[in-house]
C-alpha atoms as a PDB file:
ATOM      1  CA  MET A   1     -41.134  43.892-109.741  1.00  0.00           C
ATOM      2  CA  ALA A   2     -41.617  43.532-106.289  1.00  0.00           C
ATOM      3  CA  ASP A   3     -40.742  39.793-105.691  1.00  0.00           C
ATOM      4  CA  ILE A   4     -40.664  38.985-101.879  1.00  0.00           C
ATOM      5  CA  LYS A   5     -38.161  36.102-100.718  1.00  0.00           C
ATOM      6  CA  ILE A   6     -38.144  34.674 -97.402  1.00  0.00           C
ATOM      7  CA  THR A   7     -35.787  32.210 -96.426  1.00  0.00           C
ATOM      8  CA  ASN A   8     -35.765  30.225 -93.085  1.00  0.00           C
ATOM      9  CA  LEU A   9     -37.168  33.672 -91.058  1.00  0.00           C
ATOM     10  CA  ASP A  10     -37.559  33.359 -87.358  1.00  0.00           C
ATOM     11  CA  LYS A  11     -39.011  35.754 -84.631  1.00  0.00           C
ATOM     12  CA  SER A  12     -38.548  35.136 -81.046  1.00  0.00           C
ATOM     13  CA  TYR A  13     -39.264  37.316 -78.141  1.00  0.00           C
ATOM     14  CA  GLY A  14     -36.955  36.248 -75.671  1.00  0.00           C
ATOM     15  CA  ASN A  15     -37.523  32.550 -74.929  1.00  0.00           C
ATOM     16  CA  VAL A  16     -40.874  32.501 -76.787  1.00  0.00           C
ATOM     17  CA  HIS A  17     -40.457  31.414 -80.217  1.00  0.00           C
ATOM     18  CA  VAL A  18     -43.367  33.136 -82.583  1.00  0.00           C
ATOM     19  CA  LEU A  19     -42.099  32.429 -86.066  1.00  0.00           C
ATOM     20  CA  LYS A  20     -40.358  29.111 -87.118  1.00  0.00           C
ATOM     21  CA  ASP A  21     -38.330  28.621 -90.430  1.00  0.00           C
ATOM     22  CA  ILE A  22     -40.417  30.378 -92.402  1.00  0.00           C
ATOM     23  CA  ASN A  23     -39.617  30.059 -96.008  1.00  0.00           C
ATOM     24  CA  LEU A  24     -42.068  31.767 -98.917  1.00  0.00           C
ATOM     25  CA  ASP A  25     -41.676  33.096-102.468  1.00  0.00           C
ATOM     26  CA  ILE A  26     -44.228  35.514-103.337  1.00  0.00           C
ATOM     27  CA  LYS A  27     -44.286  36.618-106.731  1.00  0.00           C
ATOM     28  CA  SER A  28     -44.597  40.078-107.847  1.00  0.00           C
ATOM     29  CA  GLY A  29     -48.409  41.511-108.306  1.00  0.00           C
ATOM     30  CA  GLU A  30     -49.662  38.571-106.592  1.00  0.00           C
ATOM     31  CA  PHE A  31     -52.334  38.888-103.888  1.00  0.00           C
ATOM     32  CA  ILE A  32     -51.412  36.713-100.871  1.00  0.00           C
ATOM     33  CA  VAL A  33     -53.412  36.145 -97.724  1.00  0.00           C
ATOM     34  CA  PHE A  34     -51.899  35.123 -94.178  1.00  0.00           C
ATOM     35  CA  VAL A  35     -54.720  33.301 -92.400  1.00  0.00           C
ATOM     36  CA  GLY A  36     -54.552  31.220 -89.270  1.00  0.00           C
ATOM     37  CA  PRO A  37     -56.105  31.230 -85.929  1.00  0.00           C
ATOM     38  CA  SER A  38     -55.624  33.997 -83.121  1.00  0.00           C
ATOM     39  CA  GLY A  39     -51.702  33.604 -82.020  1.00  0.00           C
ATOM     40  CA  CYS A  40     -50.593  31.625 -85.221  1.00  0.00           C
ATOM     41  CA  GLY A  41     -48.124  34.437 -86.111  1.00  0.00           C
ATOM     42  CA  LYS A  42     -49.483  35.577 -89.286  1.00  0.00           C
ATOM     43  CA  SER A  43     -49.634  39.602 -88.116  1.00  0.00           C
ATOM     44  CA  THR A  44     -46.089  38.878 -86.607  1.00  0.00           C
ATOM     45  CA  LEU A  45     -45.178  37.755 -90.102  1.00  0.00           C
ATOM     46  CA  LEU A  46     -46.820  40.729 -91.717  1.00  0.00           C
ATOM     47  CA  ARG A  47     -44.879  43.196 -89.247  1.00  0.00           C
ATOM     48  CA  THR A  48     -41.511  41.586 -90.310  1.00  0.00           C
ATOM     49  CA  ILE A  49     -41.856  42.122 -93.978  1.00  0.00           C
ATOM     50  CA  SER A  50     -42.898  45.836 -92.981  1.00  0.00           C
ATOM     51  CA  GLY A  51     -40.007  46.377 -90.691  1.00  0.00           C
ATOM     52  CA  LEU A  52     -42.048  47.061 -87.965  1.00  0.00           C
ATOM     53  CA  GLU A  53     -40.125  44.090 -86.269  1.00  0.00           C
ATOM     54  CA  THR A  54     -36.810  42.916 -86.159  1.00  0.00           C
ATOM     55  CA  ILE A  55     -35.758  39.354 -87.571  1.00  0.00           C
ATOM     56  CA  SER A  56     -34.414  37.072 -85.156  1.00  0.00           C
ATOM     57  CA  GLY A  57     -32.945  34.813 -87.899  1.00  0.00           C
ATOM     58  CA  GLY A  58     -33.203  34.065 -91.748  1.00  0.00           C
ATOM     59  CA  THR A  59     -33.469  36.195 -94.856  1.00  0.00           C
ATOM     60  CA  LEU A  60     -36.084  38.500 -96.048  1.00  0.00           C
ATOM     61  CA  GLU A  61     -35.542  39.809 -99.704  1.00  0.00           C
ATOM     62  CA  ILE A  62     -37.680  42.469-101.214  1.00  0.00           C
ATOM     63  CA  ALA A  63     -37.492  43.034-105.115  1.00  0.00           C
ATOM     64  CA  GLY A  64     -34.113  41.425-105.133  1.00  0.00           C
ATOM     65  CA  ARG A  65     -32.836  43.232-102.023  1.00  0.00           C
ATOM     66  CA  VAL A  66     -32.166  42.079 -98.607  1.00  0.00           C
ATOM     67  CA  VAL A  67     -33.713  44.104 -96.415  1.00  0.00           C
ATOM     68  CA  ASN A  68     -33.127  42.348 -92.692  1.00  0.00           C
ATOM     69  CA  ASP A  69     -31.616  45.825 -91.573  1.00  0.00           C
ATOM     70  CA  VAL A  70     -33.417  48.166 -93.953  1.00  0.00           C
ATOM     71  CA  ALA A  71     -35.873  51.150 -92.532  1.00  0.00           C
ATOM     72  CA  PRO A  72     -39.537  50.514 -92.910  1.00  0.00           C
ATOM     73  CA  SER A  73     -39.478  53.893 -94.842  1.00  0.00           C
ATOM     74  CA  LYS A  74     -37.014  52.576 -97.207  1.00  0.00           C
ATOM     75  CA  ARG A  75     -38.364  49.354 -97.803  1.00  0.00           C
ATOM     76  CA  GLY A  76     -41.266  50.354-100.425  1.00  0.00           C
ATOM     77  CA  ILE A  77     -43.857  49.229 -98.788  1.00  0.00           C
ATOM     78  CA  ALA A  78     -47.232  50.510 -97.460  1.00  0.00           C
ATOM     79  CA  MET A  79     -49.749  49.537 -94.721  1.00  0.00           C
ATOM     80  CA  VAL A  80     -53.170  49.729 -93.706  1.00  0.00           C
ATOM     81  CA  PHE A  81     -54.097  48.731 -90.241  1.00  0.00           C
ATOM     82  CA  GLN A  82     -57.291  47.927 -88.524  1.00  0.00           C
ATOM     83  CA  SER A  83     -57.861  51.053 -87.189  1.00  0.00           C
ATOM     84  CA  TYR A  84     -58.113  53.764 -89.752  1.00  0.00           C
ATOM     85  CA  ALA A  85     -55.684  55.927 -87.716  1.00  0.00           C
ATOM     86  CA  LEU A  86     -56.902  59.351 -89.766  1.00  0.00           C
ATOM     87  CA  TYR A  87     -56.127  62.643 -88.290  1.00  0.00           C
ATOM     88  CA  PRO A  88     -59.579  63.979 -87.332  1.00  0.00           C
ATOM     89  CA  HIS A  89     -58.992  67.871 -87.959  1.00  0.00           C
ATOM     90  CA  MET A  90     -57.483  67.144 -91.226  1.00  0.00           C
ATOM     91  CA  THR A  91     -59.744  66.935 -94.884  1.00  0.00           C
ATOM     92  CA  VAL A  92     -59.684  63.589 -96.818  1.00  0.00           C
ATOM     93  CA  PHE A  93     -57.378  65.299 -99.414  1.00  0.00           C
ATOM     94  CA  ASP A  94     -55.138  66.412 -96.426  1.00  0.00           C
ATOM     95  CA  ASN A  95     -55.047  62.773 -94.684  1.00  0.00           C
ATOM     96  CA  MET A  96     -54.227  61.538 -98.259  1.00  0.00           C
ATOM     97  CA  ALA A  97     -51.723  64.181 -98.962  1.00  0.00           C
ATOM     98  CA  TYR A  98     -49.820  64.143 -95.459  1.00  0.00           C
ATOM     99  CA  ALA A  99     -47.172  61.688 -96.527  1.00  0.00           C
ATOM    100  CA  LEU A 100     -46.535  63.249 -99.670  1.00  0.00           C
ATOM    101  CA  LYS A 101     -46.137  66.547 -98.121  1.00  0.00           C
ATOM    102  CA  ILE A 102     -43.317  65.032 -95.961  1.00  0.00           C
ATOM    103  CA  GLN A 103     -41.554  63.826 -98.700  1.00  0.00           C
ATOM    104  CA  LYS A 104     -41.452  67.552-100.300  1.00  0.00           C
ATOM    105  CA  PHE A 105     -43.726  66.697-103.656  1.00  0.00           C
ATOM    106  CA  SER A 106     -44.745  69.910-105.566  1.00  0.00           C
ATOM    107  CA  LYS A 107     -48.260  70.642-104.997  1.00  0.00           C
ATOM    108  CA  GLN A 108     -49.148  70.263-108.491  1.00  0.00           C
ATOM    109  CA  GLU A 109     -47.736  66.252-107.737  1.00  0.00           C
ATOM    110  CA  ILE A 110     -49.929  65.711-104.448  1.00  0.00           C
ATOM    111  CA  LYS A 111     -52.941  67.346-106.082  1.00  0.00           C
ATOM    112  CA  GLU A 112     -52.035  64.676-109.222  1.00  0.00           C
ATOM    113  CA  LYS A 113     -51.596  61.784-106.890  1.00  0.00           C
ATOM    114  CA  VAL A 114     -54.379  62.319-104.294  1.00  0.00           C
ATOM    115  CA  GLU A 115     -57.009  63.016-107.114  1.00  0.00           C
ATOM    116  CA  ALA A 116     -55.954  60.009-108.911  1.00  0.00           C
ATOM    117  CA  ALA A 117     -56.363  57.553-105.833  1.00  0.00           C
ATOM    118  CA  ALA A 118     -59.729  59.331-104.784  1.00  0.00           C
ATOM    119  CA  ASP A 119     -60.671  58.402-108.631  1.00  0.00           C
ATOM    120  CA  LYS A 120     -59.703  54.592-108.036  1.00  0.00           C
ATOM    121  CA  LEU A 121     -61.517  54.644-104.778  1.00  0.00           C
ATOM    122  CA  GLN A 122     -64.697  56.635-105.515  1.00  0.00           C
ATOM    123  CA  LEU A 123     -63.755  59.248-102.986  1.00  0.00           C
ATOM    124  CA  THR A 124     -63.498  62.227-105.083  1.00  0.00           C
ATOM    125  CA  GLU A 125     -66.673  64.122-103.868  1.00  0.00           C
ATOM    126  CA  TYR A 126     -65.450  63.394-100.161  1.00  0.00           C
ATOM    127  CA  LEU A 127     -62.012  65.302-100.234  1.00  0.00           C
ATOM    128  CA  LYS A 128     -63.019  68.298 -98.697  1.00  0.00           C
ATOM    129  CA  ARG A 129     -64.873  66.241 -95.947  1.00  0.00           C
ATOM    130  CA  LEU A 130     -63.391  65.650 -92.399  1.00  0.00           C
ATOM    131  CA  PRO A 131     -63.352  62.263 -91.155  1.00  0.00           C
ATOM    132  CA  LYS A 132     -66.261  62.282 -88.461  1.00  0.00           C
ATOM    133  CA  ALA A 133     -68.397  62.997 -91.824  1.00  0.00           C
ATOM    134  CA  LEU A 134     -67.708  59.580 -93.395  1.00  0.00           C
ATOM    135  CA  SER A 135     -69.089  56.272 -92.903  1.00  0.00           C
ATOM    136  CA  GLY A 136     -66.703  53.150 -91.527  1.00  0.00           C
ATOM    137  CA  GLY A 137     -65.972  51.871 -95.047  1.00  0.00           C
ATOM    138  CA  GLN A 138     -65.487  55.480 -96.167  1.00  0.00           C
ATOM    139  CA  ARG A 139     -62.804  56.086 -93.712  1.00  0.00           C
ATOM    140  CA  GLN A 140     -61.111  52.445 -94.600  1.00  0.00           C
ATOM    141  CA  ARG A 141     -60.909  53.663 -98.169  1.00  0.00           C
ATOM    142  CA  VAL A 142     -59.080  56.759 -97.279  1.00  0.00           C
ATOM    143  CA  ALA A 143     -56.593  55.237 -95.124  1.00  0.00           C
ATOM    144  CA  ILE A 144     -55.931  52.669 -98.219  1.00  0.00           C
ATOM    145  CA  GLY A 145     -55.877  55.527-100.424  1.00  0.00           C
ATOM    146  CA  ARG A 146     -53.093  57.156 -98.039  1.00  0.00           C
ATOM    147  CA  ALA A 147     -51.073  54.363 -98.736  1.00  0.00           C
ATOM    148  CA  ILE A 148     -51.899  54.565-102.730  1.00  0.00           C
ATOM    149  CA  VAL A 149     -50.549  57.881-102.751  1.00  0.00           C
ATOM    150  CA  ARG A 150     -46.893  56.841-102.123  1.00  0.00           C
ATOM    151  CA  ASP A 151     -47.061  54.199-104.831  1.00  0.00           C
ATOM    152  CA  PRO A 152     -45.671  51.429-103.025  1.00  0.00           C
ATOM    153  CA  LYS A 153     -44.004  48.428-104.230  1.00  0.00           C
ATOM    154  CA  VAL A 154     -45.543  46.063-101.756  1.00  0.00           C
ATOM    155  CA  PHE A 155     -49.326  46.555-100.145  1.00  0.00           C
ATOM    156  CA  LEU A 156     -49.573  45.152 -96.675  1.00  0.00           C
ATOM    157  CA  PHE A 157     -53.275  44.703 -95.304  1.00  0.00           C
ATOM    158  CA  ASP A 158     -53.367  44.254 -91.073  1.00  0.00           C
ATOM    159  CA  GLU A 159     -57.133  42.939 -91.166  1.00  0.00           C
ATOM    160  CA  PRO A 160     -58.345  46.124 -92.506  1.00  0.00           C
ATOM    161  CA  LEU A 161     -61.678  44.986 -92.198  1.00  0.00           C
ATOM    162  CA  SER A 162     -62.320  43.645 -88.933  1.00  0.00           C
ATOM    163  CA  ASN A 163     -63.933  46.743 -87.395  1.00  0.00           C
ATOM    164  CA  LEU A 164     -66.638  46.910 -90.237  1.00  0.00           C
ATOM    165  CA  ASP A 165     -69.807  45.398 -90.270  1.00  0.00           C
ATOM    166  CA  ALA A 166     -71.043  42.441 -92.151  1.00  0.00           C
ATOM    167  CA  ALA A 167     -72.322  44.319 -95.057  1.00  0.00           C
ATOM    168  CA  LEU A 168     -69.659  46.813 -95.444  1.00  0.00           C
ATOM    169  CA  ARG A 169     -66.996  43.822 -95.162  1.00  0.00           C
ATOM    170  CA  VAL A 170     -68.554  42.488 -98.132  1.00  0.00           C
ATOM    171  CA  LYS A 171     -68.713  45.548 -99.952  1.00  0.00           C
ATOM    172  CA  MET A 172     -64.599  46.343 -99.006  1.00  0.00           C
ATOM    173  CA  ARG A 173     -63.714  42.963 -99.869  1.00  0.00           C
ATOM    174  CA  MET A 174     -65.207  43.700-103.524  1.00  0.00           C
ATOM    175  CA  GLU A 175     -63.333  47.017-103.514  1.00  0.00           C
ATOM    176  CA  ILE A 176     -59.788  45.520-102.381  1.00  0.00           C
ATOM    177  CA  ALA A 177     -60.627  43.154-105.142  1.00  0.00           C
ATOM    178  CA  GLY A 178     -61.084  45.920-107.583  1.00  0.00           C
ATOM    179  CA  LEU A 179     -58.134  47.466-106.472  1.00  0.00           C
ATOM    180  CA  LYS A 180     -55.716  44.432-107.113  1.00  0.00           C
ATOM    181  CA  GLU A 181     -57.230  44.595-110.849  1.00  0.00           C
ATOM    182  CA  GLN A 182     -56.136  48.340-110.547  1.00  0.00           C
ATOM    183  CA  LEU A 183     -52.631  47.836-109.179  1.00  0.00           C
ATOM    184  CA  PRO A 184     -51.664  45.131-111.347  1.00  0.00           C
ATOM    185  CA  GLY A 185     -47.851  45.464-111.017  1.00  0.00           C
ATOM    186  CA  THR A 186     -48.205  45.816-106.883  1.00  0.00           C
ATOM    187  CA  THR A 187     -47.679  42.749-104.279  1.00  0.00           C
ATOM    188  CA  MET A 188     -50.332  42.704-101.956  1.00  0.00           C
ATOM    189  CA  ILE A 189     -50.318  40.582 -98.651  1.00  0.00           C
ATOM    190  CA  TYR A 190     -53.421  40.754 -96.539  1.00  0.00           C
ATOM    191  CA  VAL A 191     -53.978  38.977 -92.622  1.00  0.00           C
ATOM    192  CA  THR A 192     -57.050  38.147 -91.635  1.00  0.00           C
ATOM    193  CA  HIS A 193     -58.436  35.179 -89.485  1.00  0.00           C
ATOM    194  CA  ASP A 194     -61.349  35.204 -91.679  1.00  0.00           C
ATOM    195  CA  GLN A 195     -61.244  32.293 -94.124  1.00  0.00           C
ATOM    196  CA  VAL A 196     -64.051  33.458 -96.447  1.00  0.00           C
ATOM    197  CA  GLU A 197     -62.083  36.390 -96.961  1.00  0.00           C
ATOM    198  CA  ALA A 198     -59.071  34.278 -97.600  1.00  0.00           C
ATOM    199  CA  MET A 199     -61.187  32.304 -99.961  1.00  0.00           C
ATOM    200  CA  THR A 200     -62.595  34.926-102.154  1.00  0.00           C
ATOM    201  CA  MET A 201     -59.501  37.479-102.403  1.00  0.00           C
ATOM    202  CA  ALA A 202     -56.503  35.609-102.677  1.00  0.00           C
ATOM    203  CA  ASP A 203     -54.539  34.554-105.539  1.00  0.00           C
ATOM    204  CA  ARG A 204     -52.785  32.364-102.947  1.00  0.00           C
ATOM    205  CA  ILE A 205     -53.568  31.395 -99.150  1.00  0.00           C
ATOM    206  CA  VAL A 206     -50.465  31.027 -96.698  1.00  0.00           C
ATOM    207  CA  VAL A 207     -52.091  29.161 -93.490  1.00  0.00           C
ATOM    208  CA  LEU A 208     -50.046  29.169 -90.279  1.00  0.00           C
ATOM    209  CA  LYS A 209     -50.471  27.548 -86.824  1.00  0.00           C
ATOM    210  CA  ASP A 210     -48.232  27.999 -83.998  1.00  0.00           C
ATOM    211  CA  GLY A 211     -45.745  29.926 -86.093  1.00  0.00           C
ATOM    212  CA  ILE A 212     -45.443  27.464 -88.785  1.00  0.00           C
ATOM    213  CA  VAL A 213     -46.501  27.621 -92.312  1.00  0.00           C
ATOM    214  CA  GLN A 214     -49.227  24.466 -92.918  1.00  0.00           C
ATOM    215  CA  GLN A 215     -49.431  24.710 -96.351  1.00  0.00           C
ATOM    216  CA  VAL A 216     -49.234  27.272 -99.289  1.00  0.00           C
ATOM    217  CA  GLY A 217     -52.031  27.140-101.896  1.00  0.00           C
ATOM    218  CA  THR A 218     -54.742  28.562-104.356  1.00  0.00           C
ATOM    219  CA  PRO A 219     -57.925  28.582-102.578  1.00  0.00           C
ATOM    220  CA  MET A 220     -59.123  25.698-104.582  1.00  0.00           C
ATOM    221  CA  GLU A 221     -56.023  23.709-103.603  1.00  0.00           C
ATOM    222  CA  LEU A 222     -56.283  23.999 -99.947  1.00  0.00           C
ATOM    223  CA  TYR A 223     -60.099  23.511 -99.952  1.00  0.00           C
ATOM    224  CA  GLU A 224     -59.994  20.082-102.294  1.00  0.00           C
ATOM    225  CA  LYS A 225     -56.415  18.908-101.499  1.00  0.00           C
ATOM    226  CA  PRO A 226     -55.619  20.031 -97.688  1.00  0.00           C
ATOM    227  CA  GLN A 227     -52.288  18.925 -96.988  1.00  0.00           C
ATOM    228  CA  SER A 228     -53.021  18.092 -93.116  1.00  0.00           C
ATOM    229  CA  LEU A 229     -55.724  17.764 -90.482  1.00  0.00           C
ATOM    230  CA  PHE A 230     -55.487  21.311 -89.507  1.00  0.00           C
ATOM    231  CA  VAL A 231     -56.157  22.887 -92.957  1.00  0.00           C
ATOM    232  CA  ALA A 232     -58.775  20.732 -93.778  1.00  0.00           C
ATOM    233  CA  GLY A 233     -60.695  21.498 -90.443  1.00  0.00           C
ATOM    234  CA  PHE A 234     -59.743  25.203 -90.640  1.00  0.00           C
ATOM    235  CA  ILE A 235     -60.698  25.971 -94.558  1.00  0.00           C
ATOM    236  CA  GLY A 236     -64.112  25.752 -95.700  1.00  0.00           C
ATOM    237  CA  SER A 237     -67.262  27.183 -93.772  1.00  0.00           C
ATOM    238  CA  PRO A 238     -68.818  24.853 -92.000  1.00  0.00           C
ATOM    239  CA  LYS A 239     -65.785  23.332 -91.324  1.00  0.00           C
ATOM    240  CA  MET A 240     -65.355  19.992 -92.610  1.00  0.00           C
ATOM    241  CA  ASN A 241     -66.629  16.886 -90.740  1.00  0.00           C
ATOM    242  CA  LEU A 242     -63.919  15.037 -89.181  1.00  0.00           C
ATOM    243  CA  LEU A 243     -64.385  11.554 -87.642  1.00  0.00           C
ATOM    244  CA  THR A 244     -62.092   9.105 -86.091  1.00  0.00           C
ATOM    245  CA  GLY A 245     -62.399   5.523 -84.133  1.00  0.00           C
ATOM    246  CA  ALA A 246     -64.645   3.135 -86.224  1.00  0.00           C
ATOM    247  CA  HIS A 247     -66.101   5.750 -88.594  1.00  0.00           C
ATOM    248  CA  ALA A 248     -62.583   6.019 -89.855  1.00  0.00           C
ATOM    249  CA  ALA A 249     -61.762   2.625 -89.625  1.00  0.00           C
ATOM    250  CA  LYS A 250     -64.399   1.374 -92.223  1.00  0.00           C
ATOM    251  CA  PHE A 251     -62.393   3.796 -94.539  1.00  0.00           C
ATOM    252  CA  ASP A 252     -59.024   2.100 -93.764  1.00  0.00           C
ATOM    253  CA  CYS A 253     -57.669   5.629 -91.967  1.00  0.00           C
ATOM    254  CA  SER A 254     -57.280   7.150 -88.470  1.00  0.00           C
ATOM    255  CA  THR A 255     -59.460  10.176 -89.506  1.00  0.00           C
ATOM    256  CA  VAL A 256     -62.017  10.559 -92.665  1.00  0.00           C
ATOM    257  CA  GLY A 257     -63.119  14.094 -93.343  1.00  0.00           C
ATOM    258  CA  ILE A 258     -66.000  15.288 -95.620  1.00  0.00           C
ATOM    259  CA  ARG A 259     -67.471  18.373 -96.506  1.00  0.00           C
ATOM    260  CA  SER A 260     -70.980  19.005 -95.747  1.00  0.00           C
ATOM    261  CA  GLU A 261     -72.210  19.906 -99.191  1.00  0.00           C
ATOM    262  CA  HIS A 262     -70.477  16.654-100.519  1.00  0.00           C
ATOM    263  CA  LEU A 263     -73.138  14.123 -98.744  1.00  0.00           C
ATOM    264  CA  ASP A 264     -76.295  13.124-100.083  1.00  0.00           C
ATOM    265  CA  ILE A 265     -79.397  11.892 -97.934  1.00  0.00           C
ATOM    266  CA  VAL A 266     -80.150   8.361 -99.062  1.00  0.00           C
ATOM    267  CA  ASN A 267     -82.645   5.618 -97.965  1.00  0.00           C
ATOM    268  CA  LYS A 268     -80.369   2.514 -98.110  1.00  0.00           C
ATOM    269  CA  GLY A 269     -76.264   2.143 -98.569  1.00  0.00           C
ATOM    270  CA  ALA A 270     -75.480   5.290 -96.339  1.00  0.00           C
ATOM    271  CA  ASP A 271     -72.053   5.715 -94.929  1.00  0.00           C
ATOM    272  CA  TRP A 272     -73.499   7.264 -91.566  1.00  0.00           C
ATOM    273  CA  GLU A 273     -76.770   7.536 -90.027  1.00  0.00           C
ATOM    274  CA  GLY A 274     -78.294   9.681 -87.252  1.00  0.00           C
ATOM    275  CA  GLU A 275     -81.377  11.684 -85.803  1.00  0.00           C
ATOM    276  CA  VAL A 276     -81.687  15.208 -87.027  1.00  0.00           C
ATOM    277  CA  VAL A 277     -80.948  17.826 -83.701  1.00  0.00           C
ATOM    278  CA  HIS A 278     -81.169  20.969 -85.353  1.00  0.00           C
ATOM    279  CA  THR A 279     -81.590  22.401 -89.123  1.00  0.00           C
ATOM    280  CA  GLU A 280     -80.958  25.848 -90.396  1.00  0.00           C
ATOM    281  CA  ILE A 281     -82.992  27.130 -93.321  1.00  0.00           C
ATOM    282  CA  LEU A 282     -81.132  29.697 -95.138  1.00  0.00           C
ATOM    283  CA  GLY A 283     -83.107  30.279 -98.270  1.00  0.00           C
ATOM    284  CA  SER A 284     -80.438  29.133-100.779  1.00  0.00           C
ATOM    285  CA  ASP A 285     -79.324  25.963 -98.287  1.00  0.00           C
ATOM    286  CA  THR A 286     -80.473  23.842 -95.389  1.00  0.00           C
ATOM    287  CA  TYR A 287     -77.860  22.794 -92.860  1.00  0.00           C
ATOM    288  CA  ILE A 288     -78.782  19.583 -90.816  1.00  0.00           C
ATOM    289  CA  TYR A 289     -77.161  18.793 -87.735  1.00  0.00           C
ATOM    290  CA  LEU A 290     -77.058  14.750 -87.384  1.00  0.00           C
ATOM    291  CA  ASN A 291     -76.312  13.180 -84.147  1.00  0.00           C
ATOM    292  CA  ILE A 292     -74.221   9.936 -85.132  1.00  0.00           C
ATOM    293  CA  GLY A 293     -72.975   8.765 -82.246  1.00  0.00           C
ATOM    294  CA  ASP A 294     -69.623  11.279 -82.359  1.00  0.00           C
ATOM    295  CA  GLU A 295     -68.586  13.849 -80.066  1.00  0.00           C
ATOM    296  CA  GLU A 296     -69.464  16.744 -82.541  1.00  0.00           C
ATOM    297  CA  LEU A 297     -72.576  17.016 -84.409  1.00  0.00           C
ATOM    298  CA  PHE A 298     -72.201  16.003 -88.037  1.00  0.00           C
ATOM    299  CA  VAL A 299     -73.594  18.774 -90.699  1.00  0.00           C
ATOM    300  CA  VAL A 300     -74.998  18.040 -93.953  1.00  0.00           C
ATOM    301  CA  ARG A 301     -75.563  20.689 -96.391  1.00  0.00           C
ATOM    302  CA  GLN A 302     -78.655  20.547 -99.059  1.00  0.00           C
ATOM    303  CA  GLU A 303     -79.906  22.710-101.516  1.00  0.00           C
ATOM    304  CA  GLY A 304     -83.037  25.120-100.803  1.00  0.00           C
ATOM    305  CA  ASN A 305     -85.259  24.277 -98.123  1.00  0.00           C
ATOM    306  CA  ALA A 306     -84.741  20.620 -97.464  1.00  0.00           C
ATOM    307  CA  PRO A 307     -87.817  18.896 -95.926  1.00  0.00           C
ATOM    308  CA  VAL A 308     -86.267  17.487 -93.045  1.00  0.00           C
ATOM    309  CA  LYS A 309     -87.417  17.666 -89.405  1.00  0.00           C
ATOM    310  CA  VAL A 310     -85.753  17.374 -86.186  1.00  0.00           C
ATOM    311  CA  HIS A 311     -85.525  14.136 -84.613  1.00  0.00           C
ATOM    312  CA  ALA A 312     -86.154  12.344 -87.817  1.00  0.00           C
ATOM    313  CA  LYS A 313     -83.666   9.574 -88.773  1.00  0.00           C
ATOM    314  CA  ILE A 314     -81.798   9.951 -92.212  1.00  0.00           C
ATOM    315  CA  GLY A 315     -79.113   8.442 -93.402  1.00  0.00           C
ATOM    316  CA  VAL A 316     -76.274   9.893 -95.662  1.00  0.00           C
ATOM    317  CA  LYS A 317     -73.667   8.845 -98.218  1.00  0.00           C
ATOM    318  CA  ALA A 318     -70.560  10.505 -99.104  1.00  0.00           C
ATOM    319  CA  LYS A 319     -70.470  11.516-102.958  1.00  0.00           C
ATOM    320  CA  GLU A 320     -67.809   9.505-105.171  1.00  0.00           C
ATOM    321  CA  GLY A 321     -64.313  10.763-104.989  1.00  0.00           C
ATOM    322  CA  ARG A 322     -65.057  13.175-101.995  1.00  0.00           C
ATOM    323  CA  LEU A 323     -63.581  11.408 -99.009  1.00  0.00           C
ATOM    324  CA  HIS A 324     -60.437  13.254 -97.334  1.00  0.00           C
ATOM    325  CA  ARG A 325     -58.497  10.197 -95.560  1.00  0.00           C
ATOM    326  CA  PHE A 326     -55.623  10.929 -92.934  1.00  0.00           C
ATOM    327  CA  ASP A 327     -53.064   8.907 -91.205  1.00  0.00           C
ATOM    328  CA  SER A 328     -52.476   8.789 -87.338  1.00  0.00           C
ATOM    329  CA  GLU A 329     -50.061  11.887 -87.944  1.00  0.00           C
ATOM    330  CA  GLY A 330     -52.388  13.751 -89.582  1.00  0.00           C
ATOM    331  CA  LYS A 331     -50.935  13.535 -93.263  1.00  0.00           C
ATOM    332  CA  PRO A 332     -53.239  12.583 -96.323  1.00  0.00           C
ATOM    333  CA  VAL A 333     -53.214   8.800 -97.008  1.00  0.00           C
END
């Protein structure tokens, strides 16, 4: 079991308060994603769990044991970073086996563990290669394999896909999701600024801003029931349309939100009307950017190749039950 309990955790660097009263309960076997903008404290929180950063206040428990002052090597964790950090002069096998050799495992145990991890990650045919003979995705799999062989209770991923191109990121997302199925008893915590990664991989997402947890929930809970304006605007691609002033007043709130896919183009009874400024045709969808007199363009998503021309005047209406209303403090109404 590898439950993680974080209670009133604080982290400061001198007078700079980076993490503020963090409280989280992570269940054994969960895949948790920390997400938020740059500087929100997500990587710092991950590093406090790993032991690479000390805790200024509060407690951190792993598998029922307080580990505030426990060395990283004694916490039962393994970490995968942005950088592959592979030894260039060692083969894939030796890179994956290195930590086990340091721990004095027998040659047979090392062989079995490395080969088992390589099989999980489809690296068996590359075990004799040097890192320079591998693609970026294969190198990242080796870095993950190096962590797997240690049989950790907790896996920590710090933006491991950020150095890969778009196609490889999609492939690696699928492989990491598959890894979760193969290691059901291992708790996984994944840090990213990419909310698409968060939405597609997580059991639950922890959204952070300025060192404070904004909301914790499943991807669809955050998508459908954001508990603040920040979460509403951060989760979803493209981001939710958020309107204030007269646009919100007619819905009896300070800010009204509607997602681009929850709008219909109508000839009468429109909630909003405007001029088409730009369109993006992606094949499966068309994104229509409207000027409705607000500071930001209003985004409407339509299936397929929507026959809308630039400079056309159109009206749009929110689908039933899809409006999000917020008060002056940014809380749901």
